[in-house]
Amino acid sequence: MRGQINDKAHLELILKSIDNVFEFTVKHETYEQFEADKICCHAVTYNIQCIGESVYKMSQEFKEAHPDTEWHLISGMRHVLVHDYYQVSFKFIWNVIKHDLNPLREQIEKYLTNM
């Protein structure tokens, strides 16, 4: 049985997953380029799932102490990606990449700096 990891480790995993997404999509300047690369689409989706899983497993105390981050939306997205994957469009994923991951990365870096 695997042991639980602490909140700091989850934050580090989130950063790694965000970095993976940016690395995978660096050559995709448009949604059309991203959508045409199915391997990239699925790799990015997996890493966004990993972000949600890390958030889901973080302590409630940590999340309550840091209400600026919309933890419930992030873990809720993970549930949709895993359980309702057939309803998810890559356009939605592209919008997350372009609008949500940089602000999340900044928040996570701030949390890690203050730990």
N, C-alpha and C. Protein backbone atom coordinates (compact mmCIF):
# COMPACT_ATOMS: atom_id res chain seq x y z
N MET A 1 0.84 -1.18 0.00
CA MET A 1 0.00 0.00 0.00
C MET A 1 0.89 1.24 0.00
N ARG A 2 0.52 2.21 -0.79
CA ARG A 2 1.28 3.44 -0.88
C ARG A 2 0.95 4.36 0.28
N GLY A 3 1.97 5.05 0.76
CA GLY A 3 1.75 6.03 1.80
C GLY A 3 1.23 7.34 1.23
N GLN A 4 0.65 8.13 2.07
CA GLN A 4 0.16 9.43 1.64
C GLN A 4 1.31 10.41 1.54
N ILE A 5 1.19 11.34 0.63
CA ILE A 5 2.19 12.39 0.53
C ILE A 5 1.61 13.69 1.08
N ASN A 6 2.47 14.59 1.49
CA ASN A 6 2.00 15.81 2.14
C ASN A 6 1.62 16.88 1.12
N ASP A 7 1.07 17.96 1.63
CA ASP A 7 0.58 19.04 0.77
C ASP A 7 1.71 19.64 -0.08
N LYS A 8 2.88 19.80 0.51
CA LYS A 8 4.00 20.36 -0.25
C LYS A 8 4.32 19.48 -1.46
N ALA A 9 4.34 18.18 -1.27
CA ALA A 9 4.61 17.27 -2.39
C ALA A 9 3.52 17.37 -3.45
N HIS A 10 2.28 17.52 -3.02
CA HIS A 10 1.18 17.69 -4.00
C HIS A 10 1.37 18.98 -4.79
N LEU A 11 1.75 20.05 -4.11
CA LEU A 11 1.99 21.31 -4.81
C LEU A 11 3.12 21.17 -5.83
N GLU A 12 4.16 20.45 -5.46
CA GLU A 12 5.27 20.22 -6.39
C GLU A 12 4.82 19.39 -7.59
N LEU A 13 3.96 18.41 -7.35
CA LEU A 13 3.41 17.61 -8.45
C LEU A 13 2.55 18.47 -9.38
N ILE A 14 1.81 19.38 -8.81
CA ILE A 14 0.99 20.29 -9.63
C ILE A 14 1.89 21.12 -10.52
N LEU A 15 2.95 21.69 -9.96
CA LEU A 15 3.89 22.48 -10.77
C LEU A 15 4.49 21.65 -11.89
N LYS A 16 4.88 20.41 -11.59
CA LYS A 16 5.46 19.54 -12.61
C LYS A 16 4.45 19.28 -13.72
N SER A 17 3.22 19.04 -13.37
CA SER A 17 2.19 18.79 -14.38
C SER A 17 1.94 20.02 -15.24
N ILE A 18 1.92 21.20 -14.61
CA ILE A 18 1.74 22.44 -15.38
C ILE A 18 2.92 22.62 -16.32
N ASP A 19 4.13 22.39 -15.83
CA ASP A 19 5.31 22.51 -16.69
C ASP A 19 5.25 21.53 -17.85
N ASN A 20 4.77 20.32 -17.58
CA ASN A 20 4.61 19.33 -18.66
C ASN A 20 3.67 19.86 -19.74
N VAL A 21 2.56 20.41 -19.32
CA VAL A 21 1.58 20.94 -20.28
C VAL A 21 2.22 22.01 -21.15
N PHE A 22 2.93 22.93 -20.52
CA PHE A 22 3.56 24.01 -21.30
C PHE A 22 4.64 23.46 -22.22
N GLU A 23 5.38 22.49 -21.75
CA GLU A 23 6.41 21.88 -22.60
C GLU A 23 5.77 21.17 -23.80
N PHE A 24 4.70 20.44 -23.57
CA PHE A 24 4.04 19.69 -24.64
C PHE A 24 3.41 20.60 -25.69
N THR A 25 2.97 21.78 -25.26
CA THR A 25 2.21 22.65 -26.16
C THR A 25 3.02 23.83 -26.68
N VAL A 26 4.30 23.89 -26.39
CA VAL A 26 5.12 25.05 -26.75
C VAL A 26 5.09 25.34 -28.25
N LYS A 27 4.96 24.33 -29.08
CA LYS A 27 4.96 24.53 -30.54
C LYS A 27 3.57 24.76 -31.11
N HIS A 28 2.56 24.70 -30.26
CA HIS A 28 1.19 24.86 -30.73
C HIS A 28 0.71 26.29 -30.42
N GLU A 29 0.72 27.11 -31.44
CA GLU A 29 0.32 28.50 -31.24
C GLU A 29 -1.19 28.70 -31.36
N THR A 30 -1.87 27.77 -32.00
CA THR A 30 -3.32 27.90 -32.18
C THR A 30 -4.01 26.63 -31.69
N TYR A 31 -5.30 26.78 -31.45
CA TYR A 31 -6.10 25.62 -31.08
C TYR A 31 -6.06 24.56 -32.17
N GLU A 32 -6.10 24.98 -33.41
CA GLU A 32 -6.12 24.03 -34.53
C GLU A 32 -4.85 23.18 -34.55
N GLN A 33 -3.71 23.79 -34.26
CA GLN A 33 -2.46 23.04 -34.18
C GLN A 33 -2.50 22.04 -33.03
N PHE A 34 -3.00 22.49 -31.90
CA PHE A 34 -3.13 21.62 -30.73
C PHE A 34 -4.06 20.46 -31.04
N GLU A 35 -5.23 20.74 -31.57
CA GLU A 35 -6.23 19.70 -31.84
C GLU A 35 -5.71 18.67 -32.85
N ALA A 36 -4.89 19.09 -33.78
CA ALA A 36 -4.36 18.18 -34.80
C ALA A 36 -3.34 17.20 -34.22
N ASP A 37 -2.80 17.50 -33.05
CA ASP A 37 -1.80 16.65 -32.40
C ASP A 37 -2.48 15.83 -31.30
N LYS A 38 -3.05 14.72 -31.68
CA LYS A 38 -3.85 13.91 -30.75
C LYS A 38 -3.04 13.40 -29.57
N ILE A 39 -1.79 13.03 -29.82
CA ILE A 39 -0.94 12.56 -28.72
C ILE A 39 -0.77 13.68 -27.70
N CYS A 40 -0.51 14.88 -28.18
CA CYS A 40 -0.36 16.03 -27.29
C CYS A 40 -1.66 16.29 -26.53
N CYS A 41 -2.78 16.26 -27.21
CA CYS A 41 -4.08 16.48 -26.56
C CYS A 41 -4.29 15.54 -25.40
N HIS A 42 -3.98 14.28 -25.61
CA HIS A 42 -4.19 13.29 -24.56
C HIS A 42 -3.15 13.40 -23.45
N ALA A 43 -1.92 13.74 -23.80
CA ALA A 43 -0.89 13.93 -22.78
C ALA A 43 -1.23 15.13 -21.89
N VAL A 44 -1.71 16.19 -22.50
CA VAL A 44 -2.10 17.38 -21.75
C VAL A 44 -3.30 17.06 -20.85
N THR A 45 -4.27 16.37 -21.40
CA THR A 45 -5.45 16.01 -20.60
C THR A 45 -5.05 15.18 -19.40
N TYR A 46 -4.13 14.23 -19.59
CA TYR A 46 -3.65 13.42 -18.48
C TYR A 46 -3.01 14.29 -17.40
N ASN A 47 -2.18 15.24 -17.80
CA ASN A 47 -1.52 16.10 -16.82
C ASN A 47 -2.50 17.00 -16.09
N ILE A 48 -3.54 17.44 -16.77
CA ILE A 48 -4.58 18.22 -16.09
C ILE A 48 -5.34 17.33 -15.10
N GLN A 49 -5.54 16.07 -15.45
CA GLN A 49 -6.12 15.12 -14.50
C GLN A 49 -5.22 14.98 -13.27
N CYS A 50 -3.91 14.92 -13.49
CA CYS A 50 -2.96 14.80 -12.38
C CYS A 50 -3.03 16.01 -11.46
N ILE A 51 -3.19 17.19 -12.04
CA ILE A 51 -3.35 18.40 -11.22
C ILE A 51 -4.58 18.26 -10.34
N GLY A 52 -5.68 17.85 -10.94
CA GLY A 52 -6.92 17.67 -10.18
C GLY A 52 -6.81 16.60 -9.11
N GLU A 53 -6.11 15.54 -9.41
CA GLU A 53 -5.94 14.46 -8.42
C GLU A 53 -5.10 14.95 -7.24
N SER A 54 -4.06 15.72 -7.52
CA SER A 54 -3.25 16.26 -6.43
C SER A 54 -4.08 17.19 -5.55
N VAL A 55 -4.88 18.03 -6.17
CA VAL A 55 -5.75 18.93 -5.41
C VAL A 55 -6.74 18.11 -4.58
N TYR A 56 -7.32 17.10 -5.19
CA TYR A 56 -8.30 16.25 -4.51
C TYR A 56 -7.70 15.60 -3.26
N LYS A 57 -6.42 15.25 -3.32
CA LYS A 57 -5.77 14.55 -2.20
C LYS A 57 -5.12 15.47 -1.18
N MET A 58 -5.10 16.77 -1.46
CA MET A 58 -4.52 17.71 -0.50
C MET A 58 -5.43 17.81 0.73
N SER A 59 -4.82 18.22 1.83
CA SER A 59 -5.61 18.34 3.06
C SER A 59 -6.64 19.45 2.96
N GLN A 60 -7.76 19.23 3.58
CA GLN A 60 -8.82 20.24 3.62
C GLN A 60 -8.33 21.48 4.34
N GLU A 61 -7.49 21.28 5.35
CA GLU A 61 -6.96 22.41 6.11
C GLU A 61 -6.15 23.35 5.21
N PHE A 62 -5.31 22.77 4.36
CA PHE A 62 -4.50 23.59 3.47
C PHE A 62 -5.40 24.37 2.50
N LYS A 63 -6.36 23.67 1.93
CA LYS A 63 -7.24 24.33 0.96
C LYS A 63 -8.05 25.44 1.62
N GLU A 64 -8.52 25.21 2.83
CA GLU A 64 -9.28 26.25 3.53
C GLU A 64 -8.40 27.43 3.91
N ALA A 65 -7.12 27.18 4.15
CA ALA A 65 -6.18 28.25 4.50
C ALA A 65 -5.77 29.08 3.29
N HIS A 66 -6.08 28.59 2.08
CA HIS A 66 -5.70 29.26 0.84
C HIS A 66 -6.92 29.38 -0.09
N PRO A 67 -7.88 30.19 0.31
CA PRO A 67 -9.14 30.27 -0.44
C PRO A 67 -9.05 31.02 -1.78
N ASP A 68 -7.91 31.65 -2.06
CA ASP A 68 -7.76 32.36 -3.34
C ASP A 68 -7.75 31.41 -4.53
N THR A 69 -7.40 30.17 -4.28
CA THR A 69 -7.39 29.17 -5.34
C THR A 69 -8.72 28.44 -5.34
N GLU A 70 -9.28 28.26 -6.51
CA GLU A 70 -10.58 27.60 -6.62
C GLU A 70 -10.40 26.08 -6.65
N TRP A 71 -10.05 25.54 -5.50
CA TRP A 71 -9.73 24.12 -5.37
C TRP A 71 -10.88 23.24 -5.85
N HIS A 72 -12.10 23.60 -5.50
CA HIS A 72 -13.26 22.77 -5.85
C HIS A 72 -13.44 22.67 -7.36
N LEU A 73 -13.13 23.76 -8.08
CA LEU A 73 -13.24 23.71 -9.54
C LEU A 73 -12.16 22.81 -10.16
N ILE A 74 -10.98 22.86 -9.58
CA ILE A 74 -9.88 22.06 -10.10
C ILE A 74 -10.14 20.57 -9.87
N SER A 75 -10.54 20.21 -8.66
CA SER A 75 -10.83 18.80 -8.40
C SER A 75 -12.09 18.36 -9.14
N GLY A 76 -13.05 19.26 -9.31
CA GLY A 76 -14.25 18.94 -10.08
C GLY A 76 -13.93 18.67 -11.54
N MET A 77 -12.98 19.42 -12.07
CA MET A 77 -12.56 19.20 -13.45
C MET A 77 -11.93 17.82 -13.59
N ARG A 78 -11.16 17.42 -12.60
CA ARG A 78 -10.56 16.09 -12.62
C ARG A 78 -11.65 15.02 -12.70
N HIS A 79 -12.69 15.19 -11.93
CA HIS A 79 -13.78 14.22 -11.94
C HIS A 79 -14.44 14.14 -13.32
N VAL A 80 -14.63 15.28 -13.95
CA VAL A 80 -15.22 15.29 -15.29
C VAL A 80 -14.27 14.61 -16.29
N LEU A 81 -12.99 14.95 -16.22
CA LEU A 81 -12.03 14.36 -17.17
C LEU A 81 -11.93 12.84 -17.02
N VAL A 82 -12.06 12.36 -15.80
CA VAL A 82 -11.92 10.92 -15.56
C VAL A 82 -13.23 10.17 -15.80
N HIS A 83 -14.33 10.73 -15.32
CA HIS A 83 -15.59 9.99 -15.35
C HIS A 83 -16.51 10.36 -16.50
N ASP A 84 -16.41 11.57 -16.98
CA ASP A 84 -17.27 12.03 -18.08
C ASP A 84 -16.44 12.48 -19.27
N TYR A 85 -15.33 11.79 -19.48
CA TYR A 85 -14.35 12.13 -20.52
C TYR A 85 -14.96 12.28 -21.91
N TYR A 86 -16.01 11.56 -22.19
CA TYR A 86 -16.66 11.60 -23.50
C TYR A 86 -17.35 12.94 -23.76
N GLN A 87 -17.53 13.75 -22.71
CA GLN A 87 -18.18 15.05 -22.86
C GLN A 87 -17.18 16.20 -22.94
N VAL A 88 -15.90 15.90 -22.77
CA VAL A 88 -14.89 16.95 -22.73
C VAL A 88 -14.38 17.24 -24.13
N SER A 89 -14.34 18.52 -24.46
CA SER A 89 -13.80 18.90 -25.76
C SER A 89 -12.37 19.39 -25.56
N PHE A 90 -11.55 19.19 -26.58
CA PHE A 90 -10.19 19.69 -26.52
C PHE A 90 -10.16 21.22 -26.56
N LYS A 91 -11.22 21.83 -27.07
CA LYS A 91 -11.33 23.30 -27.04
C LYS A 91 -11.37 23.78 -25.59
N PHE A 92 -12.10 23.06 -24.76
CA PHE A 92 -12.16 23.38 -23.33
C PHE A 92 -10.76 23.25 -22.71
N ILE A 93 -10.07 22.18 -23.03
CA ILE A 93 -8.71 21.95 -22.52
C ILE A 93 -7.79 23.09 -22.97
N TRP A 94 -7.89 23.48 -24.24
CA TRP A 94 -7.07 24.57 -24.78
C TRP A 94 -7.32 25.86 -23.99
N ASN A 95 -8.57 26.15 -23.67
CA ASN A 95 -8.89 27.35 -22.90
C ASN A 95 -8.28 27.30 -21.49
N VAL A 96 -8.26 26.13 -20.91
CA VAL A 96 -7.62 25.96 -19.60
C VAL A 96 -6.13 26.27 -19.72
N ILE A 97 -5.50 25.75 -20.74
CA ILE A 97 -4.06 26.00 -20.96
C ILE A 97 -3.81 27.49 -21.09
N LYS A 98 -4.58 28.15 -21.91
CA LYS A 98 -4.35 29.55 -22.24
C LYS A 98 -4.75 30.54 -21.14
N HIS A 99 -5.73 30.17 -20.31
CA HIS A 99 -6.27 31.15 -19.36
C HIS A 99 -6.10 30.79 -17.89
N ASP A 100 -5.96 29.53 -17.57
CA ASP A 100 -6.01 29.13 -16.17
C ASP A 100 -4.69 28.63 -15.58
N LEU A 101 -3.84 28.03 -16.40
CA LEU A 101 -2.66 27.38 -15.83
C LEU A 101 -1.59 28.36 -15.34
N ASN A 102 -1.37 29.46 -16.04
CA ASN A 102 -0.38 30.43 -15.56
C ASN A 102 -0.78 31.04 -14.22
N PRO A 103 -2.02 31.50 -14.05
CA PRO A 103 -2.40 32.02 -12.73
C PRO A 103 -2.30 30.95 -11.63
N LEU A 104 -2.68 29.72 -11.96
CA LEU A 104 -2.57 28.65 -10.98
C LEU A 104 -1.10 28.42 -10.62
N ARG A 105 -0.24 28.42 -11.61
CA ARG A 105 1.19 28.22 -11.37
C ARG A 105 1.73 29.30 -10.43
N GLU A 106 1.34 30.53 -10.65
CA GLU A 106 1.79 31.63 -9.78
C GLU A 106 1.32 31.43 -8.34
N GLN A 107 0.07 30.99 -8.17
CA GLN A 107 -0.43 30.75 -6.82
C GLN A 107 0.33 29.61 -6.15
N ILE A 108 0.55 28.54 -6.86
CA ILE A 108 1.24 27.38 -6.29
C ILE A 108 2.68 27.74 -5.91
N GLU A 109 3.36 28.50 -6.76
CA GLU A 109 4.71 28.94 -6.43
C GLU A 109 4.72 29.79 -5.16
N LYS A 110 3.73 30.66 -5.01
CA LYS A 110 3.63 31.49 -3.81
C LYS A 110 3.42 30.61 -2.57
N TYR A 111 2.55 29.63 -2.69
CA TYR A 111 2.32 28.74 -1.54
C TYR A 111 3.59 28.00 -1.16
N LEU A 112 4.30 27.50 -2.14
CA LEU A 112 5.54 26.76 -1.86
C LEU A 112 6.60 27.67 -1.23
N THR A 113 6.68 28.89 -1.69
CA THR A 113 7.65 29.84 -1.12
C THR A 113 7.37 30.10 0.36
N ASN A 114 6.10 30.08 0.72
CA ASN A 114 5.71 30.38 2.11
C ASN A 114 5.65 29.15 3.01
N MET A 115 6.06 28.01 2.51
CA MET A 115 6.01 26.79 3.34
C MET A 115 7.31 26.61 4.09
